[in-house]
C-alpha atoms as a PDB file:
ATOM      1  CA  MET A   1     160.763  74.313 120.200  1.00  0.00           C
ATOM      2  CA  SER A   2     160.506  75.457 116.596  1.00  0.00           C
ATOM      3  CA  TYR A   3     158.699  78.650 115.599  1.00  0.00           C
ATOM      4  CA  SER A   4     156.296  76.632 113.485  1.00  0.00           C
ATOM      5  CA  TYR A   5     155.364  74.439 116.442  1.00  0.00           C
ATOM      6  CA  LYS A   6     154.740  77.446 118.692  1.00  0.00           C
ATOM      7  CA  TYR A   7     152.603  79.074 115.984  1.00  0.00           C
ATOM      8  CA  ASN A   8     150.436  75.963 115.658  1.00  0.00           C
ATOM      9  CA  ARG A   9     149.919  75.797 119.416  1.00  0.00           C
ATOM     10  CA  ILE A  10     148.879  79.427 119.677  1.00  0.00           C
ATOM     11  CA  PHE A  11     146.874  79.705 116.451  1.00  0.00           C
ATOM     12  CA  ASN A  12     145.160  76.347 116.338  1.00  0.00           C
ATOM     13  CA  PRO A  13     142.780  76.554 113.333  1.00  0.00           C
ATOM     14  CA  SER A  14     140.149  74.367 114.998  1.00  0.00           C
ATOM     15  CA  LEU A  15     140.185  76.491 118.138  1.00  0.00           C
ATOM     16  CA  THR A  16     139.994  79.702 116.086  1.00  0.00           C
ATOM     17  CA  LYS A  17     137.001  78.364 114.148  1.00  0.00           C
ATOM     18  CA  TYR A  18     135.313  77.346 117.405  1.00  0.00           C
ATOM     19  CA  LEU A  19     135.830  80.792 118.934  1.00  0.00           C
ATOM     20  CA  PHE A  20     134.511  82.440 115.786  1.00  0.00           C
ATOM     21  CA  PHE A  21     131.244  80.485 115.957  1.00  0.00           C
ATOM     22  CA  VAL A  22     130.905  81.166 119.695  1.00  0.00           C
ATOM     23  CA  ILE A  23     131.274  84.906 119.066  1.00  0.00           C
ATOM     24  CA  LEU A  24     128.854  84.723 116.108  1.00  0.00           C
ATOM     25  CA  LEU A  25     126.287  82.807 118.165  1.00  0.00           C
ATOM     26  CA  PHE A  26     126.604  85.322 120.997  1.00  0.00           C
ATOM     27  CA  SER A  27     126.091  88.239 118.581  1.00  0.00           C
ATOM     28  CA  ILE A  28     123.002  86.626 117.038  1.00  0.00           C
ATOM     29  CA  THR A  29     121.581  85.856 120.478  1.00  0.00           C
ATOM     30  CA  GLU A  30     122.167  89.436 121.587  1.00  0.00           C
ATOM     31  CA  PHE A  31     120.461  90.774 118.462  1.00  0.00           C
ATOM     32  CA  TYR A  32     117.380  88.596 118.840  1.00  0.00           C
ATOM     33  CA  SER A  33     117.126  89.330 122.555  1.00  0.00           C
ATOM     34  CA  GLN A  34     116.673  93.032 121.830  1.00  0.00           C
ATOM     35  CA  GLU A  35     113.175  94.353 122.347  1.00  0.00           C
ATOM     36  CA  LYS A  36     111.104  93.928 119.201  1.00  0.00           C
ATOM     37  CA  PHE A  37     108.878  96.646 117.761  1.00  0.00           C
ATOM     38  CA  LYS A  38     105.457  95.114 118.337  1.00  0.00           C
ATOM     39  CA  ILE A  39     102.689  95.807 115.837  1.00  0.00           C
ATOM     40  CA  VAL A  40      99.133  94.554 116.279  1.00  0.00           C
ATOM     41  CA  ILE A  41      97.191  94.117 113.037  1.00  0.00           C
ATOM     42  CA  ASP A  42      93.456  94.047 113.506  1.00  0.00           C
ATOM     43  CA  ALA A  43      91.339  92.726 110.640  1.00  0.00           C
ATOM     44  CA  GLY A  44      87.979  94.370 111.268  1.00  0.00           C
ATOM     45  CA  HIS A  45      84.799  92.359 111.872  1.00  0.00           C
ATOM     46  CA  GLY A  46      84.727  88.549 111.351  1.00  0.00           C
ATOM     47  CA  GLY A  47      82.545  85.531 112.104  1.00  0.00           C
ATOM     48  CA  LYS A  48      78.957  86.501 112.858  1.00  0.00           C
ATOM     49  CA  ASP A  49      79.880  90.146 112.227  1.00  0.00           C
ATOM     50  CA  PRO A  50      80.350  90.431 108.432  1.00  0.00           C
ATOM     51  CA  GLY A  51      80.831  94.186 108.441  1.00  0.00           C
ATOM     52  CA  LYS A  52      79.450  96.038 105.457  1.00  0.00           C
ATOM     53  CA  PRO A  53      78.018  93.895 102.623  1.00  0.00           C
ATOM     54  CA  THR A  54      78.336  94.507  98.899  1.00  0.00           C
ATOM     55  CA  LYS A  55      76.036  93.873  95.970  1.00  0.00           C
ATOM     56  CA  LEU A  56      78.854  91.814  94.456  1.00  0.00           C
ATOM     57  CA  GLY A  57      78.548  88.969  96.958  1.00  0.00           C
ATOM     58  CA  PHE A  58      81.478  89.540  99.318  1.00  0.00           C
ATOM     59  CA  THR A  59      81.767  91.350 102.638  1.00  0.00           C
ATOM     60  CA  GLU A  60      84.025  93.764 104.456  1.00  0.00           C
ATOM     61  CA  LYS A  61      85.345  91.095 106.842  1.00  0.00           C
ATOM     62  CA  GLU A  62      86.831  89.092 103.934  1.00  0.00           C
ATOM     63  CA  ILE A  63      88.663  92.044 102.395  1.00  0.00           C
ATOM     64  CA  ALA A  64      89.935  93.290 105.758  1.00  0.00           C
ATOM     65  CA  LEU A  65      91.395  89.884 106.627  1.00  0.00           C
ATOM     66  CA  LYS A  66      93.188  89.475 103.295  1.00  0.00           C
ATOM     67  CA  ILE A  67      94.767  92.936 103.561  1.00  0.00           C
ATOM     68  CA  ALA A  68      95.748  92.268 107.188  1.00  0.00           C
ATOM     69  CA  LEU A  69      97.451  88.963 106.328  1.00  0.00           C
ATOM     70  CA  ASN A  70      99.338  90.561 103.435  1.00  0.00           C
ATOM     71  CA  LEU A  71     100.443  93.402 105.685  1.00  0.00           C
ATOM     72  CA  GLY A  72     101.605  90.989 108.371  1.00  0.00           C
ATOM     73  CA  LYS A  73     103.806  89.067 105.915  1.00  0.00           C
ATOM     74  CA  LEU A  74     105.484  92.296 104.801  1.00  0.00           C
ATOM     75  CA  LEU A  75     106.078  93.542 108.327  1.00  0.00           C
ATOM     76  CA  GLU A  76     107.497  90.182 109.393  1.00  0.00           C
ATOM     77  CA  LYS A  77     110.260  90.503 106.769  1.00  0.00           C
ATOM     78  CA  ASP A  78     111.836  93.098 109.084  1.00  0.00           C
ATOM     79  CA  ILE A  79     113.310  91.012 111.915  1.00  0.00           C
ATOM     80  CA  SER A  80     113.113  93.990 114.264  1.00  0.00           C
ATOM     81  CA  ASN A  81     109.302  93.694 114.112  1.00  0.00           C
ATOM     82  CA  LYS A  82     107.035  91.366 116.002  1.00  0.00           C
ATOM     83  CA  VAL A  83     103.578  91.057 114.441  1.00  0.00           C
ATOM     84  CA  ILE A  84     100.512  90.109 116.481  1.00  0.00           C
ATOM     85  CA  TYR A  85      97.174  89.439 114.764  1.00  0.00           C
ATOM     86  CA  THR A  86      93.832  89.889 116.438  1.00  0.00           C
ATOM     87  CA  ARG A  87      92.511  87.287 114.017  1.00  0.00           C
ATOM     88  CA  LYS A  88      94.017  85.228 111.190  1.00  0.00           C
ATOM     89  CA  LYS A  89      90.807  83.535 110.105  1.00  0.00           C
ATOM     90  CA  ASP A  90      87.073  84.173 109.923  1.00  0.00           C
ATOM     91  CA  VAL A  91      86.237  84.313 113.631  1.00  0.00           C
ATOM     92  CA  TYR A  92      84.223  86.769 115.698  1.00  0.00           C
ATOM     93  CA  LEU A  93      86.040  89.037 118.152  1.00  0.00           C
ATOM     94  CA  GLY A  94      84.516  91.745 120.327  1.00  0.00           C
ATOM     95  CA  LEU A  95      86.063  95.196 120.384  1.00  0.00           C
ATOM     96  CA  ARG A  96      87.078  94.604 123.988  1.00  0.00           C
ATOM     97  CA  GLN A  97      88.971  91.426 122.986  1.00  0.00           C
ATOM     98  CA  ARG A  98      90.818  93.231 120.191  1.00  0.00           C
ATOM     99  CA  ALA A  99      91.971  95.973 122.557  1.00  0.00           C
ATOM    100  CA  LYS A 100      92.966  93.387 125.171  1.00  0.00           C
ATOM    101  CA  ILE A 101      95.189  91.555 122.666  1.00  0.00           C
ATOM    102  CA  ALA A 102      97.027  94.793 121.887  1.00  0.00           C
ATOM    103  CA  ASN A 103      97.402  95.858 125.523  1.00  0.00           C
ATOM    104  CA  SER A 104      98.504  92.403 126.705  1.00  0.00           C
ATOM    105  CA  ALA A 105     101.217  92.411 124.045  1.00  0.00           C
ATOM    106  CA  ASP A 106     102.316  95.875 125.229  1.00  0.00           C
ATOM    107  CA  ALA A 107     102.329  96.781 121.547  1.00  0.00           C
ATOM    108  CA  ASP A 108     104.001  99.800 119.962  1.00  0.00           C
ATOM    109  CA  LEU A 109     101.393 100.215 117.225  1.00  0.00           C
ATOM    110  CA  PHE A 110      97.798  99.163 116.599  1.00  0.00           C
ATOM    111  CA  ILE A 111      96.490  99.136 113.017  1.00  0.00           C
ATOM    112  CA  SER A 112      92.843  98.271 112.373  1.00  0.00           C
ATOM    113  CA  ILE A 113      91.819  97.478 108.781  1.00  0.00           C
ATOM    114  CA  HIS A 114      88.302  98.246 107.505  1.00  0.00           C
ATOM    115  CA  CYS A 115      86.268  99.196 104.432  1.00  0.00           C
ATOM    116  CA  ASN A 116      83.896 102.132 104.274  1.00  0.00           C
ATOM    117  CA  SER A 117      80.265 102.421 103.151  1.00  0.00           C
ATOM    118  CA  PHE A 118      77.834 105.231 102.353  1.00  0.00           C
ATOM    119  CA  HIS A 119      74.265 105.509 101.075  1.00  0.00           C
ATOM    120  CA  ASP A 120      75.538 107.415  98.009  1.00  0.00           C
ATOM    121  CA  SER A 121      77.281 104.791  95.849  1.00  0.00           C
ATOM    122  CA  SER A 122      79.311 107.439  94.007  1.00  0.00           C
ATOM    123  CA  VAL A 123      81.383 108.277  97.120  1.00  0.00           C
ATOM    124  CA  SER A 124      84.904 106.820  97.004  1.00  0.00           C
ATOM    125  CA  GLY A 125      88.371 107.074  98.513  1.00  0.00           C
ATOM    126  CA  SER A 126      90.409 106.125 101.564  1.00  0.00           C
ATOM    127  CA  GLU A 127      90.597 107.812 104.944  1.00  0.00           C
ATOM    128  CA  THR A 128      92.520 106.989 108.108  1.00  0.00           C
ATOM    129  CA  PHE A 129      91.131 107.740 111.555  1.00  0.00           C
ATOM    130  CA  VAL A 130      92.738 108.462 114.898  1.00  0.00           C
ATOM    131  CA  LEU A 131      90.811 108.823 118.114  1.00  0.00           C
ATOM    132  CA  GLY A 132      89.474 112.299 118.780  1.00  0.00           C
ATOM    133  CA  LEU A 133      86.380 114.458 118.948  1.00  0.00           C
ATOM    134  CA  HIS A 134      84.274 113.859 115.878  1.00  0.00           C
ATOM    135  CA  ALA A 135      84.645 116.944 113.709  1.00  0.00           C
ATOM    136  CA  ASN A 136      81.279 116.535 112.004  1.00  0.00           C
ATOM    137  CA  GLU A 137      78.206 114.353 111.712  1.00  0.00           C
ATOM    138  CA  ARG A 138      79.797 112.244 108.951  1.00  0.00           C
ATOM    139  CA  ASN A 139      82.730 111.220 111.185  1.00  0.00           C
ATOM    140  CA  PHE A 140      80.357 110.509 114.056  1.00  0.00           C
ATOM    141  CA  ASN A 141      78.249 108.224 111.850  1.00  0.00           C
ATOM    142  CA  ILE A 142      81.301 106.231 110.694  1.00  0.00           C
ATOM    143  CA  ALA A 143      82.418 105.675 114.284  1.00  0.00           C
ATOM    144  CA  LYS A 144      78.864 104.811 115.289  1.00  0.00           C
ATOM    145  CA  GLN A 145      78.656 102.112 112.576  1.00  0.00           C
ATOM    146  CA  GLU A 146      81.968 100.520 113.599  1.00  0.00           C
ATOM    147  CA  ASN A 147      81.114 100.685 117.322  1.00  0.00           C
ATOM    148  CA  GLU A 148      77.662  99.110 116.967  1.00  0.00           C
ATOM    149  CA  VAL A 149      79.313  95.670 116.806  1.00  0.00           C
ATOM    150  CA  ILE A 150      79.269  95.954 120.611  1.00  0.00           C
ATOM    151  CA  PHE A 151      75.567  94.962 120.507  1.00  0.00           C
ATOM    152  CA  LEU A 152      76.542  91.526 119.148  1.00  0.00           C
ATOM    153  CA  GLU A 153      78.475  90.700 122.318  1.00  0.00           C
ATOM    154  CA  GLU A 154      76.963  88.876 125.259  1.00  0.00           C
ATOM    155  CA  ASP A 155      76.711  90.979 128.433  1.00  0.00           C
ATOM    156  CA  PHE A 156      77.749  94.078 126.511  1.00  0.00           C
ATOM    157  CA  GLU A 157      76.082  96.256 129.162  1.00  0.00           C
ATOM    158  CA  ASP A 158      78.575  94.990 131.765  1.00  0.00           C
ATOM    159  CA  ASN A 159      81.633  94.899 129.506  1.00  0.00           C
ATOM    160  CA  TYR A 160      81.205  98.434 128.191  1.00  0.00           C
ATOM    161  CA  GLU A 161      80.062 100.067 131.411  1.00  0.00           C
ATOM    162  CA  GLY A 162      76.975 101.774 130.021  1.00  0.00           C
ATOM    163  CA  TYR A 163      78.714 102.994 126.878  1.00  0.00           C
ATOM    164  CA  ASP A 164      76.173 103.864 124.174  1.00  0.00           C
ATOM    165  CA  PRO A 165      77.444 103.823 120.543  1.00  0.00           C
ATOM    166  CA  ASN A 166      74.507 106.062 119.589  1.00  0.00           C
ATOM    167  CA  SER A 167      75.499 108.790 122.040  1.00  0.00           C
ATOM    168  CA  SER A 168      77.831 111.585 120.985  1.00  0.00           C
ATOM    169  CA  GLU A 169      78.607 112.208 124.668  1.00  0.00           C
ATOM    170  CA  SER A 170      79.920 108.651 124.975  1.00  0.00           C
ATOM    171  CA  LEU A 171      82.250 109.210 122.040  1.00  0.00           C
ATOM    172  CA  ILE A 172      83.594 112.444 123.502  1.00  0.00           C
ATOM    173  CA  GLY A 173      84.442 110.592 126.710  1.00  0.00           C
ATOM    174  CA  LEU A 174      86.582 108.105 124.774  1.00  0.00           C
ATOM    175  CA  THR A 175      89.083 110.656 123.540  1.00  0.00           C
ATOM    176  CA  LEU A 176      90.823 111.461 126.823  1.00  0.00           C
ATOM    177  CA  MET A 177      92.583 108.111 127.216  1.00  0.00           C
ATOM    178  CA  GLN A 178      94.390 108.306 123.874  1.00  0.00           C
ATOM    179  CA  GLU A 179      95.598 111.922 124.026  1.00  0.00           C
ATOM    180  CA  ASP A 180      99.092 110.833 125.015  1.00  0.00           C
ATOM    181  CA  TYR A 181      99.474 109.031 121.709  1.00  0.00           C
ATOM    182  CA  LEU A 182      97.630 111.427 119.433  1.00  0.00           C
ATOM    183  CA  ASP A 183     100.671 113.008 117.743  1.00  0.00           C
ATOM    184  CA  GLN A 184     102.199 109.619 116.962  1.00  0.00           C
ATOM    185  CA  SER A 185      98.865 108.261 115.733  1.00  0.00           C
ATOM    186  CA  ILE A 186      98.474 111.250 113.416  1.00  0.00           C
ATOM    187  CA  LEU A 187     102.031 110.751 112.126  1.00  0.00           C
ATOM    188  CA  LEU A 188     101.316 107.147 111.113  1.00  0.00           C
ATOM    189  CA  ALA A 189      97.885 108.028 109.695  1.00  0.00           C
ATOM    190  CA  THR A 190      99.420 110.831 107.603  1.00  0.00           C
ATOM    191  CA  ASN A 191     102.075 108.476 106.262  1.00  0.00           C
ATOM    192  CA  ILE A 192      99.392 105.974 105.262  1.00  0.00           C
ATOM    193  CA  GLN A 193      97.249 108.540 103.481  1.00  0.00           C
ATOM    194  CA  ASN A 194     100.239 110.118 101.702  1.00  0.00           C
ATOM    195  CA  ASN A 195     101.309 106.720 100.398  1.00  0.00           C
ATOM    196  CA  PHE A 196      97.774 105.907  99.245  1.00  0.00           C
ATOM    197  CA  LYS A 197      97.601 109.262  97.489  1.00  0.00           C
ATOM    198  CA  ASN A 198     101.015 109.057  95.830  1.00  0.00           C
ATOM    199  CA  ASN A 199     101.118 105.366  94.919  1.00  0.00           C
ATOM    200  CA  LEU A 200      97.532 104.151  94.509  1.00  0.00           C
ATOM    201  CA  ASN A 201      94.629 105.320  92.430  1.00  0.00           C
ATOM    202  CA  LEU A 202      92.520 106.076  95.508  1.00  0.00           C
ATOM    203  CA  LYS A 203      90.941 109.407  96.309  1.00  0.00           C
ATOM    204  CA  ASN A 204      92.609 110.831  99.432  1.00  0.00           C
ATOM    205  CA  ARG A 205      89.920 111.708 101.990  1.00  0.00           C
ATOM    206  CA  GLY A 206      92.575 112.604 104.555  1.00  0.00           C
ATOM    207  CA  VAL A 207      93.357 111.953 108.211  1.00  0.00           C
ATOM    208  CA  LYS A 208      90.359 112.379 110.508  1.00  0.00           C
ATOM    209  CA  GLN A 209      89.472 112.139 114.171  1.00  0.00           C
ATOM    210  CA  SER A 210      86.503 110.272 115.581  1.00  0.00           C
ATOM    211  CA  GLY A 211      85.404 108.145 118.518  1.00  0.00           C
ATOM    212  CA  PHE A 212      86.152 104.508 117.690  1.00  0.00           C
ATOM    213  CA  TRP A 213      85.877 102.338 120.792  1.00  0.00           C
ATOM    214  CA  VAL A 214      88.655  99.954 119.702  1.00  0.00           C
ATOM    215  CA  LEU A 215      91.081 102.887 119.374  1.00  0.00           C
ATOM    216  CA  HIS A 216      90.039 104.353 122.702  1.00  0.00           C
ATOM    217  CA  ASN A 217      90.851 101.235 124.678  1.00  0.00           C
ATOM    218  CA  THR A 218      94.320 100.591 123.229  1.00  0.00           C
ATOM    219  CA  TYR A 219      97.239 102.083 125.150  1.00  0.00           C
ATOM    220  CA  MET A 220      99.542 102.791 122.223  1.00  0.00           C
ATOM    221  CA  PRO A 221      99.521 104.852 118.993  1.00  0.00           C
ATOM    222  CA  SER A 222      96.533 103.516 117.047  1.00  0.00           C
ATOM    223  CA  VAL A 223      94.897 104.060 113.667  1.00  0.00           C
ATOM    224  CA  LEU A 224      91.816 102.737 111.884  1.00  0.00           C
ATOM    225  CA  VAL A 225      92.217 102.566 108.104  1.00  0.00           C
ATOM    226  CA  GLU A 226      89.097 102.778 105.937  1.00  0.00           C
ATOM    227  CA  THR A 227      90.713 101.439 102.757  1.00  0.00           C
ATOM    228  CA  GLY A 228      87.878 102.377 100.408  1.00  0.00           C
ATOM    229  CA  PHE A 229      84.116 102.303  99.852  1.00  0.00           C
ATOM    230  CA  ILE A 230      82.580  98.920  99.187  1.00  0.00           C
ATOM    231  CA  SER A 231      79.283 100.735  98.625  1.00  0.00           C
ATOM    232  CA  ASN A 232      80.889 102.014  95.390  1.00  0.00           C
ATOM    233  CA  PRO A 233      80.697  99.107  92.868  1.00  0.00           C
ATOM    234  CA  LYS A 234      83.903 100.065  91.034  1.00  0.00           C
ATOM    235  CA  GLU A 235      85.908 100.559  94.230  1.00  0.00           C
ATOM    236  CA  ALA A 236      84.416  97.404  95.766  1.00  0.00           C
ATOM    237  CA  ALA A 237      85.620  95.330  92.813  1.00  0.00           C
ATOM    238  CA  TYR A 238      89.053  96.895  93.138  1.00  0.00           C
ATOM    239  CA  LEU A 239      89.262  96.224  96.904  1.00  0.00           C
ATOM    240  CA  ASN A 240      88.275  92.593  96.332  1.00  0.00           C
ATOM    241  CA  SER A 241      91.157  92.042  93.904  1.00  0.00           C
ATOM    242  CA  SER A 242      94.392  90.366  95.007  1.00  0.00           C
ATOM    243  CA  LYS A 243      96.398  93.221  93.471  1.00  0.00           C
ATOM    244  CA  ALA A 244      94.615  95.882  95.506  1.00  0.00           C
ATOM    245  CA  GLN A 245      94.973  93.881  98.709  1.00  0.00           C
ATOM    246  CA  ARG A 246      98.733  93.505  98.104  1.00  0.00           C
ATOM    247  CA  ASP A 247      99.161  97.153  97.090  1.00  0.00           C
ATOM    248  CA  ILE A 248      97.244  98.512 100.082  1.00  0.00           C
ATOM    249  CA  ALA A 249      99.233  96.295 102.454  1.00  0.00           C
ATOM    250  CA  ASN A 250     102.510  97.364 100.813  1.00  0.00           C
ATOM    251  CA  ASN A 251     101.716 101.048 101.256  1.00  0.00           C
ATOM    252  CA  ILE A 252     100.734 100.623 104.904  1.00  0.00           C
ATOM    253  CA  ASN A 253     103.992  98.718 105.432  1.00  0.00           C
ATOM    254  CA  THR A 254     105.937 101.609 103.883  1.00  0.00           C
ATOM    255  CA  ALA A 255     104.088 104.018 106.187  1.00  0.00           C
ATOM    256  CA  VAL A 256     105.170 101.971 109.213  1.00  0.00           C
ATOM    257  CA  ILE A 257     108.804 102.036 108.021  1.00  0.00           C
ATOM    258  CA  GLU A 258     108.603 105.826 107.653  1.00  0.00           C
ATOM    259  CA  TYR A 259     106.990 106.085 111.099  1.00  0.00           C
ATOM    260  CA  LYS A 260     109.765 104.062 112.748  1.00  0.00           C
ATOM    261  CA  GLU A 261     112.441 106.147 111.028  1.00  0.00           C
ATOM    262  CA  ALA A 262     110.807 109.373 112.222  1.00  0.00           C
ATOM    263  CA  LEU A 263     110.518 107.964 115.726  1.00  0.00           C
ATOM    264  CA  ASN A 264     114.202 107.018 115.814  1.00  0.00           C
ATOM    265  CA  ILE A 265     115.252 110.488 114.661  1.00  0.00           C
ATOM    266  CA  GLY A 266     113.024 112.045 117.314  1.00  0.00           C
ATOM    267  CA  ASN A 267     114.507 109.833 120.012  1.00  0.00           C
ATOM    268  CA  LEU A 268     118.020 110.710 118.871  1.00  0.00           C
ATOM    269  CA  ILE A 269     117.297 114.447 119.068  1.00  0.00           C
ATOM    270  CA  SER A 270     115.714 114.020 122.515  1.00  0.00           C
ATOM    271  CA  GLY A 271     118.759 112.086 123.630  1.00  0.00           C
ATOM    272  CA  LEU A 272     121.118 114.815 122.444  1.00  0.00           C
ATOM    273  CA  GLU A 273     119.072 117.485 124.214  1.00  0.00           C
ATOM    274  CA  TYR A 274     119.009 115.417 127.386  1.00  0.00           C
ATOM    275  CA  ALA A 275     122.812 114.993 127.256  1.00  0.00           C
ATOM    276  CA  ASN A 276     123.200 118.765 127.354  1.00  0.00           C
ATOM    277  CA  SER A 277     121.360 119.097 130.671  1.00  0.00           C
ATOM    278  CA  ASN A 278     122.126 117.703 134.117  1.00  0.00           C
ATOM    279  CA  ILE A 279     118.583 118.263 135.363  1.00  0.00           C
ATOM    280  CA  THR A 280     115.642 116.012 134.526  1.00  0.00           C
ATOM    281  CA  TYR A 281     112.090 117.021 135.407  1.00  0.00           C
ATOM    282  CA  LYS A 282     109.254 114.612 136.157  1.00  0.00           C
ATOM    283  CA  VAL A 283     105.647 114.941 137.263  1.00  0.00           C
ATOM    284  CA  GLN A 284     104.964 113.118 140.521  1.00  0.00           C
ATOM    285  CA  ILE A 285     101.407 111.804 140.387  1.00  0.00           C
ATOM    286  CA  ALA A 286     101.192 109.405 143.335  1.00  0.00           C
ATOM    287  CA  ALA A 287     102.887 107.832 146.344  1.00  0.00           C
ATOM    288  CA  SER A 288     101.900 104.519 147.853  1.00  0.00           C
ATOM    289  CA  LYS A 289     103.062 101.740 150.155  1.00  0.00           C
ATOM    290  CA  THR A 290     102.004  99.368 147.376  1.00  0.00           C
ATOM    291  CA  LYS A 291     104.250  98.465 144.467  1.00  0.00           C
ATOM    292  CA  ILE A 292     102.066  98.983 141.396  1.00  0.00           C
ATOM    293  CA  GLU A 293     102.808  97.517 137.979  1.00  0.00           C
ATOM    294  CA  LEU A 294     103.830 100.282 135.570  1.00  0.00           C
ATOM    295  CA  LYS A 295     101.028  99.767 133.074  1.00  0.00           C
ATOM    296  CA  SER A 296      98.906 102.530 131.560  1.00  0.00           C
ATOM    297  CA  TYR A 297      95.653 101.041 132.804  1.00  0.00           C
ATOM    298  CA  ASN A 298      96.876 101.410 136.403  1.00  0.00           C
ATOM    299  CA  PHE A 299      97.416 105.149 135.900  1.00  0.00           C
ATOM    300  CA  LYS A 300      94.232 106.289 134.136  1.00  0.00           C
ATOM    301  CA  GLY A 301      95.760 105.783 130.703  1.00  0.00           C
ATOM    302  CA  LEU A 302      99.003 107.673 131.298  1.00  0.00           C
ATOM    303  CA  SER A 303     102.076 106.100 129.737  1.00  0.00           C
ATOM    304  CA  ASN A 304     105.788 106.652 130.390  1.00  0.00           C
ATOM    305  CA  ILE A 305     105.422 105.989 134.115  1.00  0.00           C
ATOM    306  CA  SER A 306     108.471 105.482 136.345  1.00  0.00           C
ATOM    307  CA  ARG A 307     108.769 104.447 139.979  1.00  0.00           C
ATOM    308  CA  LEU A 308     111.253 105.186 142.772  1.00  0.00           C
ATOM    309  CA  LYS A 309     111.291 103.675 146.240  1.00  0.00           C
ATOM    310  CA  SER A 310     111.922 105.957 149.192  1.00  0.00           C
ATOM    311  CA  VAL A 311     112.226 104.791 152.796  1.00  0.00           C
ATOM    312  CA  LYS A 312     108.557 103.888 153.264  1.00  0.00           C
ATOM    313  CA  LEU A 313     106.820 104.685 149.991  1.00  0.00           C
ATOM    314  CA  TYR A 314     106.888 104.010 146.282  1.00  0.00           C
ATOM    315  CA  LYS A 315     106.727 107.264 144.330  1.00  0.00           C
ATOM    316  CA  TYR A 316     105.237 107.280 140.843  1.00  0.00           C
ATOM    317  CA  TYR A 317     106.232 109.772 138.164  1.00  0.00           C
ATOM    318  CA  TYR A 318     104.723 110.623 134.796  1.00  0.00           C
ATOM    319  CA  SER A 319     106.993 111.435 131.846  1.00  0.00           C
ATOM    320  CA  SER A 320     110.424 113.098 131.987  1.00  0.00           C
ATOM    321  CA  SER A 321     112.244 115.872 130.164  1.00  0.00           C
ATOM    322  CA  ASN A 322     114.990 118.440 130.619  1.00  0.00           C
ATOM    323  CA  SER A 323     112.432 121.080 129.584  1.00  0.00           C
ATOM    324  CA  LEU A 324     110.528 122.585 132.497  1.00  0.00           C
ATOM    325  CA  GLU A 325     107.981 124.107 130.113  1.00  0.00           C
ATOM    326  CA  GLU A 326     107.189 120.697 128.648  1.00  0.00           C
ATOM    327  CA  MET A 327     106.747 119.282 132.144  1.00  0.00           C
ATOM    328  CA  LYS A 328     104.294 122.050 133.001  1.00  0.00           C
ATOM    329  CA  ARG A 329     102.162 120.909 130.071  1.00  0.00           C
ATOM    330  CA  LYS A 330     102.477 117.299 131.229  1.00  0.00           C
ATOM    331  CA  GLN A 331     101.480 118.356 134.750  1.00  0.00           C
ATOM    332  CA  ASN A 332      98.326 120.013 133.434  1.00  0.00           C
ATOM    333  CA  PHE A 333      97.505 116.909 131.412  1.00  0.00           C
ATOM    334  CA  ALA A 334      98.007 114.646 134.451  1.00  0.00           C
ATOM    335  CA  ILE A 335      95.685 116.917 136.441  1.00  0.00           C
ATOM    336  CA  SER A 336      93.064 116.654 133.680  1.00  0.00           C
ATOM    337  CA  LYS A 337      93.294 112.858 133.962  1.00  0.00           C
ATOM    338  CA  GLY A 338      92.346 113.025 137.637  1.00  0.00           C
ATOM    339  CA  PHE A 339      95.723 113.369 139.383  1.00  0.00           C
ATOM    340  CA  LYS A 340      94.728 116.694 140.912  1.00  0.00           C
ATOM    341  CA  ASN A 341      97.737 116.875 143.254  1.00  0.00           C
ATOM    342  CA  ALA A 342     100.340 116.251 140.545  1.00  0.00           C
ATOM    343  CA  PHE A 343     103.473 118.363 140.928  1.00  0.00           C
ATOM    344  CA  ILE A 344     106.842 118.748 139.202  1.00  0.00           C
ATOM    345  CA  VAL A 345     110.080 117.471 140.721  1.00  0.00           C
ATOM    346  CA  GLY A 346     113.653 117.813 139.517  1.00  0.00           C
ATOM    347  CA  PHE A 347     116.553 115.342 139.546  1.00  0.00           C
ATOM    348  CA  GLU A 348     120.216 116.213 139.190  1.00  0.00           C
ATOM    349  CA  ASN A 349     122.576 113.287 138.744  1.00  0.00           C
ATOM    350  CA  GLY A 350     119.810 111.023 140.051  1.00  0.00           C
ATOM    351  CA  ILE A 351     119.223 113.071 143.215  1.00  0.00           C
ATOM    352  CA  GLN A 352     115.932 114.912 143.762  1.00  0.00           C
ATOM    353  CA  ILE A 353     116.368 118.682 144.055  1.00  0.00           C
ATOM    354  CA  SER A 354     114.168 121.704 144.618  1.00  0.00           C
ATOM    355  CA  ILE A 355     113.043 123.384 141.396  1.00  0.00           C
ATOM    356  CA  ASP A 356     112.374 126.751 143.011  1.00  0.00           C
END
């Protein structure tokens, strides 16, 4: 057998090409099977709920939808993202439906787009809200206006369990569920406002906390962006322009990119710290014979829940860290959520140990 003949048998060009495409197809399949970063974009108002009107003939719901669609197109250019819209056309959605869409998708971010309004037409600028105790009457009134859409829903008394948008006590009660995500929500909100300030000719009114129902009922980092004041004729005309809608969307997209980069760096640092310790601490919050789905709504809004099965019981744990001090804070938070018997446990090489 000649050398040339043996070479052709071993290195058959057709076979090599076939193997190359198999490997390429496998790599692409693996890439696309990775968990996507899910972002829910919520265009505020819609349908029978026009939002805030203007003297120029257009409404908040129209501007919010156009910005949301522009933002979605930008985010979808990154194939690591999966974009979910609460609405893509002029339809009515209740606040409960918007939150349900986000929670059902198990989203990583929730971004709600709105326009602001005030009785003084000279007021202008953008502000981004996260859920929290309203710092002043102005913040309370903004949240109250956005929450009053609840009254347009049928059977709102049943769906919102006696919640009263006009009651400050109701708003205070909303804040507890989102505390787990507050730092991340503030990070995204800060990125948005910094980009608006640095790149757009919009007055920066800052990052604020208030009691928006739609933010309260989403189990992920969530922000509500008031892009500008449509009660201000000059700013209203700007917000209604295609350029403004593209520019605002572009800057929110940049803020999301910055948020994801910061999150990845944080995860990397946490991973390095974890690698330096053999002991992991968790907060045990419950034990049950029943296998419960690990969703936030099953654990009073707590996220980062894990489950281990012992001989007769399923044990449920909240959060994990190699820092005992951090777990003490998590334990106190779990107790404040209603898990009054929560306690800290330690694991070394996967085996539970005493932490005394």
